[in-house]
Amino acid sequence: AVTGDLLRLAWHIGNRHTPCQIEPE
């Protein structure tokens, strides 16, 4: 479960083509 600056972290996760479940928090 990853928390922090979600927009920035989601960008880095997506940039590595890592599957990600996106939730509000």
PDB file of all heavy atoms in Angstrom:
ATOM      1  N   ALA A   1       0.886  -1.158   0.000  1.00  0.00           N
ATOM      2  CA  ALA A   1       0.000   0.000   0.000  1.00  0.00           C
ATOM      3  C   ALA A   1       0.925   1.208   0.000  1.00  0.00           C
ATOM      4  O   ALA A   1       1.774   1.356   0.886  1.00  0.00           O
ATOM      5  CB  ALA A   1      -0.899  -0.005   1.227  1.00  0.00           C
ATOM      6  N   VAL A   2       0.800   2.051  -1.003  1.00  0.00           N
ATOM      7  CA  VAL A   2       1.709   3.175  -1.208  1.00  0.00           C
ATOM      8  C   VAL A   2       0.963   4.469  -0.905  1.00  0.00           C
ATOM      9  O   VAL A   2      -0.117   4.714  -1.469  1.00  0.00           O
ATOM     10  CB  VAL A   2       2.223   3.205  -2.666  1.00  0.00           C
ATOM     11  CG1 VAL A   2       3.185   4.362  -2.890  1.00  0.00           C
ATOM     12  CG2 VAL A   2       2.858   1.867  -3.050  1.00  0.00           C
ATOM     13  N   THR A   3       1.531   5.287  -0.035  1.00  0.00           N
ATOM     14  CA  THR A   3       0.950   6.602   0.248  1.00  0.00           C
ATOM     15  C   THR A   3       2.040   7.661   0.107  1.00  0.00           C
ATOM     16  O   THR A   3       3.230   7.361   0.118  1.00  0.00           O
ATOM     17  CB  THR A   3       0.327   6.659   1.661  1.00  0.00           C
ATOM     18  OG1 THR A   3       1.308   6.281   2.618  1.00  0.00           O
ATOM     19  CG2 THR A   3      -0.880   5.739   1.771  1.00  0.00           C
ATOM     20  N   GLY A   4       1.613   8.889  -0.028  1.00  0.00           N
ATOM     21  CA  GLY A   4       2.518  10.022  -0.234  1.00  0.00           C
ATOM     22  C   GLY A   4       1.928  10.903  -1.310  1.00  0.00           C
ATOM     23  O   GLY A   4       0.703  11.030  -1.429  1.00  0.00           O
ATOM     24  N   ASP A   5       2.768  11.506  -2.128  1.00  0.00           N
ATOM     25  CA  ASP A   5       2.332  12.342  -3.250  1.00  0.00           C
ATOM     26  C   ASP A   5       1.843  11.400  -4.359  1.00  0.00           C
ATOM     27  O   ASP A   5       2.607  10.995  -5.241  1.00  0.00           O
ATOM     28  CB  ASP A   5       3.497  13.209  -3.720  1.00  0.00           C
ATOM     29  CG  ASP A   5       3.140  14.141  -4.866  1.00  0.00           C
ATOM     30  OD1 ASP A   5       2.037  14.011  -5.453  1.00  0.00           O
ATOM     31  OD2 ASP A   5       3.981  15.004  -5.191  1.00  0.00           O
ATOM     32  N   LEU A   6       0.551  11.028  -4.291  1.00  0.00           N
ATOM     33  CA  LEU A   6       0.034   9.960  -5.161  1.00  0.00           C
ATOM     34  C   LEU A   6       0.178  10.260  -6.645  1.00  0.00           C
ATOM     35  O   LEU A   6       0.458   9.348  -7.431  1.00  0.00           O
ATOM     36  CB  LEU A   6      -1.419   9.644  -4.810  1.00  0.00           C
ATOM     37  CG  LEU A   6      -1.667   9.068  -3.412  1.00  0.00           C
ATOM     38  CD1 LEU A   6      -3.134   8.696  -3.247  1.00  0.00           C
ATOM     39  CD2 LEU A   6      -0.771   7.871  -3.127  1.00  0.00           C
ATOM     40  N   LEU A   7      -0.027  11.505  -7.057  1.00  0.00           N
ATOM     41  CA  LEU A   7       0.107  11.820  -8.491  1.00  0.00           C
ATOM     42  C   LEU A   7       1.530  11.560  -8.969  1.00  0.00           C
ATOM     43  O   LEU A   7       1.744  10.911  -9.999  1.00  0.00           O
ATOM     44  CB  LEU A   7      -0.294  13.262  -8.765  1.00  0.00           C
ATOM     45  CG  LEU A   7      -1.777  13.573  -8.633  1.00  0.00           C
ATOM     46  CD1 LEU A   7      -2.029  15.067  -8.831  1.00  0.00           C
ATOM     47  CD2 LEU A   7      -2.587  12.760  -9.629  1.00  0.00           C
ATOM     48  N   ARG A   8       2.495  12.044  -8.232  1.00  0.00           N
ATOM     49  CA  ARG A   8       3.902  11.854  -8.613  1.00  0.00           C
ATOM     50  C   ARG A   8       4.272  10.374  -8.571  1.00  0.00           C
ATOM     51  O   ARG A   8       4.922   9.856  -9.487  1.00  0.00           O
ATOM     52  CB  ARG A   8       4.791  12.658  -7.665  1.00  0.00           C
ATOM     53  CG  ARG A   8       6.265  12.556  -7.973  1.00  0.00           C
ATOM     54  CD  ARG A   8       7.037  13.569  -7.107  1.00  0.00           C
ATOM     55  NE  ARG A   8       8.445  13.500  -7.412  1.00  0.00           N
ATOM     56  CZ  ARG A   8       9.374  13.055  -6.559  1.00  0.00           C
ATOM     57  NH1 ARG A   8       9.023  12.660  -5.351  1.00  0.00           N
ATOM     58  NH2 ARG A   8      10.638  13.019  -6.913  1.00  0.00           N
ATOM     59  N   LEU A   9       3.858   9.692  -7.509  1.00  0.00           N
ATOM     60  CA  LEU A   9       4.190   8.271  -7.380  1.00  0.00           C
ATOM     61  C   LEU A   9       3.514   7.437  -8.454  1.00  0.00           C
ATOM     62  O   LEU A   9       4.119   6.510  -9.014  1.00  0.00           O
ATOM     63  CB  LEU A   9       3.817   7.780  -5.978  1.00  0.00           C
ATOM     64  CG  LEU A   9       4.577   8.462  -4.827  1.00  0.00           C
ATOM     65  CD1 LEU A   9       3.951   8.107  -3.492  1.00  0.00           C
ATOM     66  CD2 LEU A   9       6.063   8.128  -4.873  1.00  0.00           C
ATOM     67  N   ALA A  10       2.262   7.762  -8.790  1.00  0.00           N
ATOM     68  CA  ALA A  10       1.549   7.043  -9.856  1.00  0.00           C
ATOM     69  C   ALA A  10       2.265   7.214 -11.193  1.00  0.00           C
ATOM     70  O   ALA A  10       2.354   6.273 -11.991  1.00  0.00           O
ATOM     71  CB  ALA A  10       0.102   7.517  -9.953  1.00  0.00           C
ATOM     72  N   TRP A  11       2.795   8.402 -11.440  1.00  0.00           N
ATOM     73  CA  TRP A  11       3.528   8.637 -12.688  1.00  0.00           C
ATOM     74  C   TRP A  11       4.739   7.704 -12.761  1.00  0.00           C
ATOM     75  O   TRP A  11       4.984   7.057 -13.782  1.00  0.00           O
ATOM     76  CB  TRP A  11       3.971  10.096 -12.807  1.00  0.00           C
ATOM     77  CG  TRP A  11       4.591  10.361 -14.144  1.00  0.00           C
ATOM     78  CD1 TRP A  11       3.957  10.742 -15.282  1.00  0.00           C
ATOM     79  CD2 TRP A  11       5.978  10.203 -14.488  1.00  0.00           C
ATOM     80  NE1 TRP A  11       4.859  10.833 -16.327  1.00  0.00           N
ATOM     81  CE2 TRP A  11       6.109  10.512 -15.860  1.00  0.00           C
ATOM     82  CE3 TRP A  11       7.111   9.831 -13.775  1.00  0.00           C
ATOM     83  CZ2 TRP A  11       7.321  10.470 -16.528  1.00  0.00           C
ATOM     84  CZ3 TRP A  11       8.337   9.782 -14.454  1.00  0.00           C
ATOM     85  CH2 TRP A  11       8.429  10.098 -15.807  1.00  0.00           C
ATOM     86  N   HIS A  12       5.507   7.617 -11.665  1.00  0.00           N
ATOM     87  CA  HIS A  12       6.705   6.766 -11.660  1.00  0.00           C
ATOM     88  C   HIS A  12       6.344   5.287 -11.781  1.00  0.00           C
ATOM     89  O   HIS A  12       7.030   4.531 -12.467  1.00  0.00           O
ATOM     90  CB  HIS A  12       7.547   7.026 -10.408  1.00  0.00           C
ATOM     91  CG  HIS A  12       8.325   8.299 -10.493  1.00  0.00           C
ATOM     92  ND1 HIS A  12       9.497   8.415 -11.211  1.00  0.00           N
ATOM     93  CD2 HIS A  12       8.084   9.522  -9.975  1.00  0.00           C
ATOM     94  CE1 HIS A  12       9.954   9.640 -11.131  1.00  0.00           C
ATOM     95  NE2 HIS A  12       9.110  10.349 -10.379  1.00  0.00           N
ATOM     96  N   ILE A  13       5.269   4.876 -11.136  1.00  0.00           N
ATOM     97  CA  ILE A  13       4.816   3.488 -11.236  1.00  0.00           C
ATOM     98  C   ILE A  13       4.405   3.180 -12.671  1.00  0.00           C
ATOM     99  O   ILE A  13       4.810   2.178 -13.261  1.00  0.00           O
ATOM    100  CB  ILE A  13       3.662   3.216 -10.245  1.00  0.00           C
ATOM    101  CG1 ILE A  13       4.194   3.234  -8.803  1.00  0.00           C
ATOM    102  CG2 ILE A  13       2.967   1.895 -10.560  1.00  0.00           C
ATOM    103  CD1 ILE A  13       3.114   3.262  -7.740  1.00  0.00           C
ATOM    104  N   GLY A  14       3.604   4.067 -13.266  1.00  0.00           N
ATOM    105  CA  GLY A  14       3.157   3.871 -14.648  1.00  0.00           C
ATOM    106  C   GLY A  14       4.290   3.916 -15.640  1.00  0.00           C
ATOM    107  O   GLY A  14       4.279   3.189 -16.641  1.00  0.00           O
ATOM    108  N   ASN A  15       5.277   4.743 -15.382  1.00  0.00           N
ATOM    109  CA  ASN A  15       6.422   4.864 -16.281  1.00  0.00           C
ATOM    110  C   ASN A  15       7.211   3.557 -16.346  1.00  0.00           C
ATOM    111  O   ASN A  15       7.916   3.298 -17.314  1.00  0.00           O
ATOM    112  CB  ASN A  15       7.328   6.014 -15.822  1.00  0.00           C
ATOM    113  CG  ASN A  15       8.352   6.374 -16.862  1.00  0.00           C
ATOM    114  OD1 ASN A  15       8.055   6.471 -18.044  1.00  0.00           O
ATOM    115  ND2 ASN A  15       9.580   6.569 -16.418  1.00  0.00           N
ATOM    116  N   ARG A  16       7.059   2.722 -15.332  1.00  0.00           N
ATOM    117  CA  ARG A  16       7.727   1.417 -15.315  1.00  0.00           C
ATOM    118  C   ARG A  16       6.774   0.280 -15.695  1.00  0.00           C
ATOM    119  O   ARG A  16       7.077  -0.889 -15.494  1.00  0.00           O
ATOM    120  CB  ARG A  16       8.362   1.170 -13.950  1.00  0.00           C
ATOM    121  CG  ARG A  16       9.664   1.954 -13.849  1.00  0.00           C
ATOM    122  CD  ARG A  16       9.903   2.512 -12.485  1.00  0.00           C
ATOM    123  NE  ARG A  16      11.075   3.381 -12.470  1.00  0.00           N
ATOM    124  CZ  ARG A  16      11.028   4.698 -12.687  1.00  0.00           C
ATOM    125  NH1 ARG A  16       9.884   5.299 -12.954  1.00  0.00           N
ATOM    126  NH2 ARG A  16      12.121   5.426 -12.639  1.00  0.00           N
ATOM    127  N   HIS A  17       5.609   0.648 -16.211  1.00  0.00           N
ATOM    128  CA  HIS A  17       4.608  -0.332 -16.654  1.00  0.00           C
ATOM    129  C   HIS A  17       4.273  -1.333 -15.552  1.00  0.00           C
ATOM    130  O   HIS A  17       4.072  -2.524 -15.814  1.00  0.00           O
ATOM    131  CB  HIS A  17       5.054  -1.060 -17.925  1.00  0.00           C
ATOM    132  CG  HIS A  17       5.188  -0.153 -19.107  1.00  0.00           C
ATOM    133  ND1 HIS A  17       4.167   0.058 -19.998  1.00  0.00           N
ATOM    134  CD2 HIS A  17       6.213   0.632 -19.518  1.00  0.00           C
ATOM    135  CE1 HIS A  17       4.566   0.925 -20.919  1.00  0.00           C
ATOM    136  NE2 HIS A  17       5.804   1.291 -20.651  1.00  0.00           N
ATOM    137  N   THR A  18       4.225  -0.850 -14.325  1.00  0.00           N
ATOM    138  CA  THR A  18       3.894  -1.684 -13.175  1.00  0.00           C
ATOM    139  C   THR A  18       2.396  -1.651 -12.934  1.00  0.00           C
ATOM    140  O   THR A  18       1.835  -0.560 -12.785  1.00  0.00           O
ATOM    141  CB  THR A  18       4.641  -1.163 -11.916  1.00  0.00           C
ATOM    142  OG1 THR A  18       6.050  -1.225 -12.181  1.00  0.00           O
ATOM    143  CG2 THR A  18       4.310  -1.980 -10.686  1.00  0.00           C
ATOM    144  N   PRO A  19       1.710  -2.784 -12.918  1.00  0.00           N
ATOM    145  CA  PRO A  19       0.269  -2.774 -12.633  1.00  0.00           C
ATOM    146  C   PRO A  19      -0.002  -2.085 -11.292  1.00  0.00           C
ATOM    147  O   PRO A  19       0.729  -2.283 -10.320  1.00  0.00           O
ATOM    148  CB  PRO A  19      -0.094  -4.260 -12.573  1.00  0.00           C
ATOM    149  CG  PRO A  19       0.971  -4.943 -13.366  1.00  0.00           C
ATOM    150  CD  PRO A  19       2.222  -4.138 -13.133  1.00  0.00           C
ATOM    151  N   CYS A  20      -1.053  -1.250 -11.274  1.00  0.00           N
ATOM    152  CA  CYS A  20      -1.337  -0.434 -10.100  1.00  0.00           C
ATOM    153  C   CYS A  20      -2.845  -0.329  -9.878  1.00  0.00           C
ATOM    154  O   CYS A  20      -3.596  -0.014 -10.808  1.00  0.00           O
ATOM    155  CB  CYS A  20      -0.735   0.953 -10.294  1.00  0.00           C
ATOM    156  SG  CYS A  20      -0.947   2.067  -8.904  1.00  0.00           S
ATOM    157  N   GLN A  21      -3.248  -0.583  -8.659  1.00  0.00           N
ATOM    158  CA  GLN A  21      -4.636  -0.395  -8.233  1.00  0.00           C
ATOM    159  C   GLN A  21      -4.707   1.009  -7.640  1.00  0.00           C
ATOM    160  O   GLN A  21      -4.013   1.309  -6.665  1.00  0.00           O
ATOM    161  CB  GLN A  21      -4.981  -1.459  -7.197  1.00  0.00           C
ATOM    162  CG  GLN A  21      -6.398  -1.443  -6.706  1.00  0.00           C
ATOM    163  CD  GLN A  21      -6.644  -2.639  -5.798  1.00  0.00           C
ATOM    164  OE1 GLN A  21      -6.231  -3.756  -6.082  1.00  0.00           O
ATOM    165  NE2 GLN A  21      -7.298  -2.397  -4.678  1.00  0.00           N
ATOM    166  N   ILE A  22      -5.542   1.867  -8.227  1.00  0.00           N
ATOM    167  CA  ILE A  22      -5.611   3.266  -7.822  1.00  0.00           C
ATOM    168  C   ILE A  22      -6.832   3.482  -6.948  1.00  0.00           C
ATOM    169  O   ILE A  22      -7.961   3.191  -7.362  1.00  0.00           O
ATOM    170  CB  ILE A  22      -5.656   4.180  -9.064  1.00  0.00           C
ATOM    171  CG1 ILE A  22      -4.392   3.948  -9.897  1.00  0.00           C
ATOM    172  CG2 ILE A  22      -5.808   5.636  -8.649  1.00  0.00           C
ATOM    173  CD1 ILE A  22      -4.408   4.618 -11.253  1.00  0.00           C
ATOM    174  N   GLU A  23      -6.593   3.968  -5.740  1.00  0.00           N
ATOM    175  CA  GLU A  23      -7.655   4.255  -4.781  1.00  0.00           C
ATOM    176  C   GLU A  23      -7.502   5.710  -4.328  1.00  0.00           C
ATOM    177  O   GLU A  23      -6.425   6.297  -4.490  1.00  0.00           O
ATOM    178  CB  GLU A  23      -7.563   3.299  -3.591  1.00  0.00           C
ATOM    179  CG  GLU A  23      -7.732   1.841  -4.008  1.00  0.00           C
ATOM    180  CD  GLU A  23      -7.575   0.864  -2.849  1.00  0.00           C
ATOM    181  OE1 GLU A  23      -7.313   1.297  -1.707  1.00  0.00           O
ATOM    182  OE2 GLU A  23      -7.712  -0.351  -3.112  1.00  0.00           O
ATOM    183  N   PRO A  24      -8.541   6.308  -3.757  1.00  0.00           N
ATOM    184  CA  PRO A  24      -8.457   7.725  -3.374  1.00  0.00           C
ATOM    185  C   PRO A  24      -7.326   8.056  -2.397  1.00  0.00           C
ATOM    186  O   PRO A  24      -6.713   9.115  -2.498  1.00  0.00           O
ATOM    187  CB  PRO A  24      -9.817   8.006  -2.723  1.00  0.00           C
ATOM    188  CG  PRO A  24     -10.725   6.973  -3.274  1.00  0.00           C
ATOM    189  CD  PRO A  24      -9.873   5.761  -3.525  1.00  0.00           C
ATOM    190  N   GLU A  25      -7.019   7.147  -1.471  1.00  0.00           N
ATOM    191  CA  GLU A  25      -6.041   7.449  -0.424  1.00  0.00           C
ATOM    192  C   GLU A  25      -4.730   6.684  -0.550  1.00  0.00           C
ATOM    193  O   GLU A  25      -3.823   6.871   0.256  1.00  0.00           O
ATOM    194  CB  GLU A  25      -6.652   7.161   0.958  1.00  0.00           C
ATOM    195  CG  GLU A  25      -7.938   7.921   1.239  1.00  0.00           C
ATOM    196  CD  GLU A  25      -7.747   9.435   1.265  1.00  0.00           C
ATOM    197  OE1 GLU A  25      -6.698   9.893   1.760  1.00  0.00           O
ATOM    198  OE2 GLU A  25      -8.645  10.145   0.759  1.00  0.00           O
TER     199      GLU A  25
END
